[in-house]
Structure formats: C-alpha cells, structure tokens
N, C-alpha and C. Protein backbone atom coordinates (compact mmCIF):
# COMPACT_ATOMS: atom_id res chain seq x y z
N MET A 1 -14.25 28.36 3.81
CA MET A 1 -13.92 27.92 2.46
C MET A 1 -15.18 27.26 1.87
N LEU A 2 -15.40 27.49 0.58
CA LEU A 2 -16.54 26.91 -0.10
C LEU A 2 -16.37 25.40 -0.26
N ILE A 3 -17.51 24.70 -0.36
CA ILE A 3 -17.47 23.25 -0.50
C ILE A 3 -16.73 22.85 -1.76
N ILE A 4 -16.96 23.52 -2.87
CA ILE A 4 -16.31 23.15 -4.13
C ILE A 4 -14.79 23.33 -4.04
N GLU A 5 -14.34 24.39 -3.38
CA GLU A 5 -12.91 24.61 -3.20
C GLU A 5 -12.31 23.50 -2.33
N SER A 6 -12.97 23.16 -1.25
CA SER A 6 -12.47 22.10 -0.37
C SER A 6 -12.41 20.78 -1.11
N ALA A 7 -13.47 20.47 -1.84
CA ALA A 7 -13.50 19.20 -2.59
C ALA A 7 -12.40 19.14 -3.61
N LEU A 8 -12.15 20.21 -4.32
CA LEU A 8 -11.09 20.24 -5.35
C LEU A 8 -9.70 20.18 -4.73
N ILE A 9 -9.48 20.86 -3.62
CA ILE A 9 -8.19 20.82 -2.95
C ILE A 9 -7.88 19.39 -2.49
N ILE A 10 -8.84 18.74 -1.87
CA ILE A 10 -8.66 17.38 -1.38
C ILE A 10 -8.45 16.43 -2.55
N PHE A 11 -9.22 16.62 -3.62
CA PHE A 11 -9.03 15.79 -4.82
C PHE A 11 -7.62 15.96 -5.38
N ALA A 12 -7.15 17.20 -5.47
CA ALA A 12 -5.81 17.47 -5.98
C ALA A 12 -4.73 16.82 -5.10
N ILE A 13 -4.92 16.88 -3.80
CA ILE A 13 -3.96 16.26 -2.88
C ILE A 13 -3.94 14.75 -3.06
N SER A 14 -5.10 14.15 -3.21
CA SER A 14 -5.14 12.69 -3.42
C SER A 14 -4.55 12.32 -4.77
N LEU A 15 -4.72 13.17 -5.76
CA LEU A 15 -4.14 12.94 -7.08
C LEU A 15 -2.62 12.99 -7.02
N VAL A 16 -2.06 13.99 -6.36
CA VAL A 16 -0.60 14.12 -6.22
C VAL A 16 -0.07 12.94 -5.39
N SER A 17 -0.77 12.55 -4.34
CA SER A 17 -0.35 11.42 -3.52
C SER A 17 -0.33 10.13 -4.34
N ALA A 18 -1.36 9.94 -5.15
CA ALA A 18 -1.43 8.75 -5.99
C ALA A 18 -0.29 8.73 -7.02
N LEU A 19 -0.03 9.88 -7.61
CA LEU A 19 1.08 9.98 -8.57
C LEU A 19 2.40 9.64 -7.89
N ALA A 20 2.63 10.21 -6.72
CA ALA A 20 3.88 9.97 -6.00
C ALA A 20 4.05 8.49 -5.65
N SER A 21 3.01 7.88 -5.14
CA SER A 21 3.12 6.48 -4.74
C SER A 21 3.30 5.56 -5.94
N ASN A 22 2.60 5.84 -7.02
CA ASN A 22 2.72 4.99 -8.21
C ASN A 22 4.07 5.19 -8.92
N ILE A 23 4.59 6.39 -8.92
CA ILE A 23 5.92 6.61 -9.49
C ILE A 23 6.98 5.91 -8.67
N LEU A 24 6.84 5.94 -7.35
CA LEU A 24 7.79 5.23 -6.49
C LEU A 24 7.70 3.72 -6.71
N ILE A 25 6.48 3.23 -6.90
CA ILE A 25 6.32 1.80 -7.22
C ILE A 25 7.02 1.47 -8.54
N MET A 26 6.87 2.34 -9.53
CA MET A 26 7.53 2.10 -10.82
C MET A 26 9.04 2.04 -10.66
N LYS A 27 9.59 2.87 -9.76
CA LYS A 27 11.05 2.94 -9.58
C LYS A 27 11.58 1.78 -8.74
N LYS A 28 10.80 1.33 -7.75
CA LYS A 28 11.33 0.38 -6.76
C LYS A 28 10.89 -1.07 -6.95
N VAL A 29 9.83 -1.30 -7.74
CA VAL A 29 9.29 -2.65 -7.89
C VAL A 29 9.52 -3.13 -9.31
N ASP A 30 9.92 -4.37 -9.45
CA ASP A 30 10.07 -5.00 -10.76
C ASP A 30 8.66 -5.39 -11.23
N LEU A 31 8.04 -4.48 -11.95
CA LEU A 31 6.63 -4.65 -12.32
C LEU A 31 6.43 -5.79 -13.31
N GLN A 32 7.39 -6.03 -14.18
CA GLN A 32 7.24 -7.12 -15.15
C GLN A 32 7.18 -8.45 -14.41
N THR A 33 8.10 -8.67 -13.49
CA THR A 33 8.10 -9.91 -12.72
C THR A 33 6.85 -10.00 -11.86
N SER A 34 6.49 -8.92 -11.22
CA SER A 34 5.30 -8.90 -10.37
C SER A 34 4.05 -9.27 -11.16
N ASN A 35 3.90 -8.70 -12.34
CA ASN A 35 2.73 -8.99 -13.16
C ASN A 35 2.74 -10.44 -13.66
N GLU A 36 3.92 -10.93 -14.01
CA GLU A 36 4.02 -12.34 -14.44
C GLU A 36 3.66 -13.28 -13.31
N VAL A 37 4.13 -12.99 -12.10
CA VAL A 37 3.83 -13.83 -10.95
C VAL A 37 2.34 -13.82 -10.66
N MET A 38 1.74 -12.64 -10.69
CA MET A 38 0.29 -12.55 -10.40
C MET A 38 -0.53 -13.25 -11.49
N LYS A 39 -0.09 -13.14 -12.73
CA LYS A 39 -0.78 -13.82 -13.82
C LYS A 39 -0.70 -15.34 -13.63
N ALA A 40 0.49 -15.83 -13.29
CA ALA A 40 0.68 -17.28 -13.05
C ALA A 40 -0.18 -17.74 -11.87
N TYR A 41 -0.21 -16.94 -10.82
CA TYR A 41 -0.99 -17.30 -9.64
C TYR A 41 -2.49 -17.33 -9.96
N ASN A 42 -2.96 -16.36 -10.72
CA ASN A 42 -4.38 -16.33 -11.10
C ASN A 42 -4.74 -17.52 -11.97
N GLU A 43 -3.84 -17.88 -12.87
CA GLU A 43 -4.08 -19.09 -13.68
C GLU A 43 -4.09 -20.33 -12.82
N PHE A 44 -3.18 -20.39 -11.83
CA PHE A 44 -3.16 -21.51 -10.90
C PHE A 44 -4.47 -21.62 -10.16
N ILE A 45 -4.97 -20.50 -9.63
CA ILE A 45 -6.23 -20.49 -8.87
C ILE A 45 -7.39 -20.98 -9.75
N LYS A 46 -7.41 -20.52 -10.98
CA LYS A 46 -8.46 -20.95 -11.91
C LYS A 46 -8.38 -22.46 -12.15
N GLU A 47 -7.18 -22.95 -12.37
CA GLU A 47 -6.98 -24.38 -12.61
C GLU A 47 -7.31 -25.19 -11.34
N TYR A 48 -6.94 -24.66 -10.19
CA TYR A 48 -7.21 -25.34 -8.92
C TYR A 48 -8.71 -25.45 -8.66
N ARG A 49 -9.43 -24.37 -8.89
CA ARG A 49 -10.89 -24.39 -8.71
C ARG A 49 -11.56 -25.36 -9.67
N GLN A 50 -11.05 -25.40 -10.89
CA GLN A 50 -11.60 -26.33 -11.88
C GLN A 50 -11.36 -27.77 -11.44
N ALA A 51 -10.18 -28.05 -10.93
CA ALA A 51 -9.87 -29.42 -10.45
C ALA A 51 -10.77 -29.79 -9.28
N ILE A 52 -11.04 -28.85 -8.40
CA ILE A 52 -11.95 -29.11 -7.27
C ILE A 52 -13.35 -29.39 -7.78
N SER A 53 -13.83 -28.58 -8.69
CA SER A 53 -15.20 -28.77 -9.19
C SER A 53 -15.34 -30.08 -9.97
N GLU A 54 -14.27 -30.51 -10.62
CA GLU A 54 -14.30 -31.76 -11.37
C GLU A 54 -14.00 -32.97 -10.49
N GLY A 55 -13.46 -32.72 -9.28
CA GLY A 55 -13.12 -33.81 -8.37
C GLY A 55 -11.90 -34.60 -8.83
N ASP A 56 -11.02 -33.97 -9.57
CA ASP A 56 -9.81 -34.60 -10.10
C ASP A 56 -8.72 -34.62 -9.01
N LYS A 57 -8.63 -35.70 -8.26
CA LYS A 57 -7.71 -35.79 -7.13
C LYS A 57 -6.25 -35.82 -7.56
N GLU A 58 -5.98 -36.43 -8.71
CA GLU A 58 -4.61 -36.50 -9.22
C GLU A 58 -4.11 -35.10 -9.56
N LYS A 59 -4.95 -34.34 -10.23
CA LYS A 59 -4.59 -32.98 -10.61
C LYS A 59 -4.46 -32.11 -9.36
N LEU A 60 -5.34 -32.29 -8.40
CA LEU A 60 -5.27 -31.53 -7.14
C LEU A 60 -3.96 -31.80 -6.41
N ALA A 61 -3.54 -33.03 -6.35
CA ALA A 61 -2.28 -33.40 -5.68
C ALA A 61 -1.10 -32.72 -6.37
N ARG A 62 -1.12 -32.72 -7.70
CA ARG A 62 -0.05 -32.07 -8.48
C ARG A 62 -0.05 -30.56 -8.23
N LEU A 63 -1.25 -29.97 -8.21
CA LEU A 63 -1.36 -28.53 -8.02
C LEU A 63 -0.97 -28.11 -6.60
N GLU A 64 -1.29 -28.93 -5.62
CA GLU A 64 -0.94 -28.60 -4.24
C GLU A 64 0.58 -28.56 -4.04
N LYS A 65 1.32 -29.37 -4.80
CA LYS A 65 2.77 -29.32 -4.74
C LYS A 65 3.29 -27.99 -5.32
N LYS A 66 2.63 -27.53 -6.35
CA LYS A 66 3.00 -26.28 -7.01
C LYS A 66 2.57 -25.06 -6.20
N GLN A 67 1.57 -25.22 -5.36
CA GLN A 67 0.97 -24.11 -4.64
C GLN A 67 1.97 -23.39 -3.73
N LYS A 68 2.75 -24.08 -2.98
CA LYS A 68 3.72 -23.47 -2.05
C LYS A 68 4.71 -22.59 -2.80
N GLN A 69 5.22 -23.09 -3.91
CA GLN A 69 6.18 -22.33 -4.70
C GLN A 69 5.56 -21.03 -5.20
N LEU A 70 4.35 -21.11 -5.72
CA LEU A 70 3.66 -19.91 -6.23
C LEU A 70 3.35 -18.93 -5.11
N GLN A 71 2.90 -19.46 -3.97
CA GLN A 71 2.61 -18.57 -2.85
C GLN A 71 3.85 -17.83 -2.37
N ASP A 72 4.99 -18.51 -2.37
CA ASP A 72 6.25 -17.87 -1.99
C ASP A 72 6.61 -16.75 -2.96
N MET A 73 6.41 -17.01 -4.25
CA MET A 73 6.71 -15.98 -5.27
C MET A 73 5.77 -14.79 -5.12
N VAL A 74 4.48 -15.05 -4.86
CA VAL A 74 3.53 -13.96 -4.67
C VAL A 74 3.89 -13.16 -3.43
N MET A 75 4.25 -13.84 -2.37
CA MET A 75 4.62 -13.16 -1.13
C MET A 75 5.84 -12.26 -1.35
N LYS A 76 6.81 -12.76 -2.11
CA LYS A 76 8.00 -11.97 -2.38
C LYS A 76 7.66 -10.69 -3.15
N THR A 77 6.83 -10.80 -4.18
CA THR A 77 6.46 -9.62 -4.95
C THR A 77 5.60 -8.66 -4.14
N GLN A 78 4.75 -9.19 -3.28
CA GLN A 78 3.91 -8.33 -2.44
C GLN A 78 4.76 -7.61 -1.40
N MET A 79 5.81 -8.26 -0.93
CA MET A 79 6.72 -7.60 0.03
C MET A 79 7.42 -6.42 -0.60
N GLU A 80 7.75 -6.50 -1.88
CA GLU A 80 8.36 -5.36 -2.57
C GLU A 80 7.41 -4.16 -2.54
N ARG A 81 6.15 -4.40 -2.83
CA ARG A 81 5.16 -3.33 -2.81
C ARG A 81 4.95 -2.80 -1.38
N LEU A 82 4.98 -3.70 -0.41
CA LEU A 82 4.81 -3.29 0.98
C LEU A 82 5.94 -2.38 1.42
N LYS A 83 7.15 -2.67 0.99
CA LYS A 83 8.30 -1.83 1.34
C LYS A 83 8.08 -0.40 0.83
N VAL A 84 7.58 -0.28 -0.40
CA VAL A 84 7.29 1.04 -0.95
C VAL A 84 6.22 1.73 -0.12
N SER A 85 5.19 0.99 0.28
CA SER A 85 4.14 1.56 1.11
C SER A 85 4.67 2.05 2.45
N LEU A 86 5.63 1.33 3.00
CA LEU A 86 6.22 1.74 4.27
C LEU A 86 7.02 3.04 4.14
N TYR A 87 7.68 3.24 2.99
CA TYR A 87 8.37 4.50 2.75
C TYR A 87 7.41 5.68 2.79
N LEU A 88 6.21 5.45 2.28
CA LEU A 88 5.23 6.53 2.14
C LEU A 88 4.31 6.68 3.34
N LEU A 89 4.28 5.70 4.22
CA LEU A 89 3.32 5.69 5.30
C LEU A 89 3.43 6.94 6.20
N VAL A 90 4.60 7.23 6.69
CA VAL A 90 4.76 8.36 7.61
C VAL A 90 4.41 9.69 6.93
N PRO A 91 4.94 10.00 5.72
CA PRO A 91 4.56 11.26 5.09
C PRO A 91 3.05 11.36 4.81
N PHE A 92 2.44 10.26 4.41
CA PHE A 92 1.00 10.30 4.15
C PHE A 92 0.20 10.47 5.44
N LEU A 93 0.63 9.83 6.51
CA LEU A 93 -0.07 10.00 7.80
C LEU A 93 0.04 11.44 8.30
N ILE A 94 1.22 12.02 8.17
CA ILE A 94 1.40 13.40 8.58
C ILE A 94 0.49 14.31 7.74
N LEU A 95 0.49 14.10 6.43
CA LEU A 95 -0.37 14.89 5.55
C LEU A 95 -1.83 14.72 5.93
N PHE A 96 -2.25 13.48 6.17
CA PHE A 96 -3.64 13.20 6.53
C PHE A 96 -4.04 13.93 7.81
N TYR A 97 -3.20 13.87 8.82
CA TYR A 97 -3.53 14.51 10.10
C TYR A 97 -3.51 16.04 10.00
N VAL A 98 -2.63 16.59 9.20
CA VAL A 98 -2.64 18.04 8.98
C VAL A 98 -3.94 18.44 8.31
N LEU A 99 -4.33 17.67 7.30
CA LEU A 99 -5.57 18.01 6.58
C LEU A 99 -6.80 17.81 7.46
N ILE A 100 -6.84 16.75 8.25
CA ILE A 100 -8.00 16.52 9.09
C ILE A 100 -8.10 17.62 10.16
N PHE A 101 -6.95 18.11 10.62
CA PHE A 101 -6.95 19.23 11.57
C PHE A 101 -7.51 20.49 10.88
N TYR A 102 -7.11 20.71 9.65
CA TYR A 102 -7.55 21.90 8.93
C TYR A 102 -9.04 21.83 8.58
N PHE A 103 -9.49 20.72 8.01
CA PHE A 103 -10.87 20.61 7.56
C PHE A 103 -11.83 20.18 8.66
N GLY A 104 -11.33 19.50 9.68
CA GLY A 104 -12.18 19.07 10.79
C GLY A 104 -13.31 18.18 10.32
N ASN A 105 -14.47 18.39 10.89
CA ASN A 105 -15.64 17.57 10.56
C ASN A 105 -16.62 18.33 9.68
N SER A 106 -16.14 19.40 9.05
CA SER A 106 -17.03 20.21 8.21
C SER A 106 -17.32 19.49 6.89
N ILE A 107 -18.36 19.94 6.21
CA ILE A 107 -18.73 19.37 4.92
C ILE A 107 -17.73 19.88 3.88
N VAL A 108 -17.11 18.93 3.16
CA VAL A 108 -16.13 19.30 2.14
C VAL A 108 -16.55 18.87 0.74
N ALA A 109 -17.57 18.02 0.65
CA ALA A 109 -18.06 17.56 -0.65
C ALA A 109 -19.50 17.10 -0.49
N LEU A 110 -20.19 16.97 -1.61
CA LEU A 110 -21.60 16.59 -1.57
C LEU A 110 -21.82 15.27 -2.30
N SER A 111 -22.78 14.52 -1.80
CA SER A 111 -23.18 13.26 -2.41
C SER A 111 -24.65 13.34 -2.79
N PRO A 112 -25.04 12.76 -3.90
CA PRO A 112 -26.45 12.80 -4.29
C PRO A 112 -27.32 11.86 -3.44
N PHE A 113 -26.69 10.97 -2.69
CA PHE A 113 -27.46 10.06 -1.85
C PHE A 113 -26.83 9.95 -0.46
N ARG A 114 -27.63 9.53 0.47
CA ARG A 114 -27.20 9.38 1.86
C ARG A 114 -26.60 7.99 2.07
N PHE A 115 -25.48 7.93 2.78
CA PHE A 115 -24.88 6.63 3.14
C PHE A 115 -24.10 6.78 4.44
N SER A 116 -23.92 5.65 5.08
CA SER A 116 -23.13 5.60 6.31
C SER A 116 -22.56 4.21 6.45
N ILE A 117 -21.26 4.08 6.19
CA ILE A 117 -20.57 2.80 6.28
C ILE A 117 -19.36 3.02 7.17
N PHE A 118 -19.40 2.55 8.39
CA PHE A 118 -18.36 2.76 9.38
C PHE A 118 -18.11 4.25 9.55
N TYR A 119 -16.89 4.72 9.26
CA TYR A 119 -16.56 6.13 9.38
C TYR A 119 -16.87 6.92 8.11
N PHE A 120 -17.27 6.25 7.06
CA PHE A 120 -17.51 6.90 5.79
C PHE A 120 -18.98 7.27 5.71
N THR A 121 -19.24 8.56 5.75
CA THR A 121 -20.64 8.98 5.80
C THR A 121 -20.92 10.17 4.89
N ALA A 122 -22.12 10.17 4.40
CA ALA A 122 -22.68 11.33 3.73
C ALA A 122 -24.09 11.42 4.30
N ASN A 123 -24.20 11.99 5.46
CA ASN A 123 -25.50 12.00 6.13
C ASN A 123 -25.86 13.35 6.73
N LYS A 124 -25.13 14.39 6.34
CA LYS A 124 -25.46 15.74 6.80
C LYS A 124 -26.27 16.43 5.70
N PRO A 125 -27.54 16.74 5.97
CA PRO A 125 -28.35 17.38 4.93
C PRO A 125 -27.70 18.69 4.45
N ALA A 126 -27.61 18.86 3.14
CA ALA A 126 -27.06 20.07 2.53
C ALA A 126 -27.90 20.38 1.30
N GLY A 127 -29.05 20.97 1.51
CA GLY A 127 -29.96 21.24 0.40
C GLY A 127 -30.54 19.93 -0.11
N ILE A 128 -30.39 19.67 -1.41
CA ILE A 128 -30.91 18.42 -1.98
C ILE A 128 -29.88 17.31 -1.96
N ALA A 129 -28.69 17.59 -1.42
CA ALA A 129 -27.62 16.60 -1.37
C ALA A 129 -27.28 16.28 0.09
N TRP A 130 -26.28 15.44 0.24
CA TRP A 130 -25.81 15.03 1.57
C TRP A 130 -24.34 15.36 1.68
N GLY A 131 -23.96 15.97 2.79
CA GLY A 131 -22.58 16.40 2.98
C GLY A 131 -21.66 15.29 3.44
N MET A 132 -20.45 15.31 2.87
CA MET A 132 -19.42 14.37 3.27
C MET A 132 -18.32 15.12 4.02
N ASN A 133 -17.77 14.47 5.04
CA ASN A 133 -16.66 15.09 5.77
C ASN A 133 -15.34 14.77 5.06
N PHE A 134 -14.26 15.31 5.61
CA PHE A 134 -12.94 15.15 5.00
C PHE A 134 -12.55 13.69 4.84
N VAL A 135 -12.70 12.89 5.90
CA VAL A 135 -12.26 11.49 5.85
C VAL A 135 -12.94 10.75 4.71
N THR A 136 -14.25 10.88 4.61
CA THR A 136 -15.00 10.19 3.56
C THR A 136 -14.56 10.64 2.18
N TRP A 137 -14.47 11.93 1.95
CA TRP A 137 -14.11 12.44 0.63
C TRP A 137 -12.67 12.08 0.27
N TYR A 138 -11.75 12.16 1.23
CA TYR A 138 -10.35 11.84 0.95
C TYR A 138 -10.21 10.35 0.59
N ILE A 139 -10.86 9.47 1.34
CA ILE A 139 -10.78 8.04 1.06
C ILE A 139 -11.37 7.74 -0.32
N LEU A 140 -12.52 8.30 -0.62
CA LEU A 140 -13.14 8.05 -1.94
C LEU A 140 -12.26 8.56 -3.08
N THR A 141 -11.74 9.76 -2.94
CA THR A 141 -10.89 10.29 -4.01
C THR A 141 -9.57 9.52 -4.11
N SER A 142 -9.04 9.07 -2.98
CA SER A 142 -7.79 8.30 -3.01
C SER A 142 -7.98 6.97 -3.72
N ILE A 143 -9.07 6.30 -3.44
CA ILE A 143 -9.36 5.03 -4.12
C ILE A 143 -9.48 5.27 -5.62
N PHE A 144 -10.23 6.30 -5.98
CA PHE A 144 -10.44 6.62 -7.39
C PHE A 144 -9.12 6.98 -8.09
N THR A 145 -8.37 7.90 -7.52
CA THR A 145 -7.15 8.37 -8.18
C THR A 145 -6.09 7.26 -8.22
N ASN A 146 -5.96 6.48 -7.15
CA ASN A 146 -4.98 5.39 -7.15
C ASN A 146 -5.33 4.34 -8.21
N THR A 147 -6.61 4.04 -8.36
CA THR A 147 -7.02 3.05 -9.36
C THR A 147 -6.74 3.55 -10.77
N ILE A 148 -7.14 4.77 -11.06
CA ILE A 148 -6.95 5.34 -12.41
C ILE A 148 -5.46 5.48 -12.74
N ILE A 149 -4.70 6.05 -11.83
CA ILE A 149 -3.28 6.26 -12.09
C ILE A 149 -2.53 4.94 -12.12
N GLY A 150 -2.89 4.01 -11.23
CA GLY A 150 -2.26 2.69 -11.23
C GLY A 150 -2.48 1.97 -12.54
N LYS A 151 -3.69 2.06 -13.09
CA LYS A 151 -3.97 1.43 -14.39
C LYS A 151 -3.23 2.17 -15.51
N ALA A 152 -3.22 3.50 -15.45
CA ALA A 152 -2.56 4.29 -16.50
C ALA A 152 -1.06 4.05 -16.53
N LEU A 153 -0.44 3.97 -15.36
CA LEU A 153 1.01 3.77 -15.29
C LEU A 153 1.39 2.29 -15.26
N LYS A 154 0.39 1.44 -15.31
CA LYS A 154 0.58 -0.02 -15.31
C LYS A 154 1.32 -0.53 -14.08
N THR A 155 1.05 0.11 -12.94
CA THR A 155 1.61 -0.36 -11.68
C THR A 155 0.62 -1.26 -10.95
N MET A 156 -0.57 -1.33 -11.50
CA MET A 156 -1.64 -2.13 -10.91
C MET A 156 -2.09 -3.14 -11.97
N PRO A 157 -2.24 -4.40 -11.55
CA PRO A 157 -2.66 -5.41 -12.55
C PRO A 157 -4.08 -5.15 -13.05
C-alpha cells in the first residue's frame, strides 16, 4: 500500500473514532454542568494563586474551605467522562491492535523533520522526509482530530 493511502486511511479511522467518542460524550455527559464546574474551578485556581502571591492568609483560609467542595464537583464531572471512555476502551483497543497487526512497523506517513520521543518516532529516512510508523501517525492524528472535533462539538472546554 502506498504511504499516502496508509496515511489517509489511518487519518479517516482516527476521525471516525473521534466523532464517535465525542458524540457519545454529548449523549452521556451533562456538558453544561461540566463546563460550569470547570470554569468555576479555573476561577478558583486563579484566585488561589493570586492570594498566595499576595500573601493574603485570610483569603487563603477562606479559599481552602471552598477547595474541597470544588474538587469534589470536578471529580464528579470527570468521572462522567471517564465512564464514557470506559465504554469505548475495549472497541478502540481492538481496533488499534487490528490496525497495528495490519500496518506493522512499516512507514505509513512522512514527517519533514526527524524526531524520537518514547515510542513516537519519525526516524526512518524516506527521501527528503522521515518515515513514521503506525503508532506515531495514529496518535498524532487522534490528538489532532479529537481536539478539533471536541472544540467543534463543544465537548471540550
């Protein structure tokens, strides 16, 4: 199979996977509450850091009382998302292993520069570019597609 075909097939699979996971999040998670909780927590963190930098002990004491309540709310909303992830874990793992068996360690996409970060590599010379294996290309496209689709469907803050 040609590199361009492999790259496009893997990109399409990551796109469909991202759509499926984000649609399931839309159906199973109360996104309005989740976003409100995260917004409140981010404001709390900002206020907490400001109190630390100013050395305002009274404000810090007041904020530390509020901290446990906010952390519990954040944990609850994150657990909702985790449940959705657990629904998808087994099908995605099966898909991943089928694809890794099919593509193996062959070059499936090209990078203009060489890199090697843990298992993510583009270090196989391929003309003027560097070849990426399935794992590297799938992870990169998954991050990209999940971010774009998550922002578009407003499932991601």
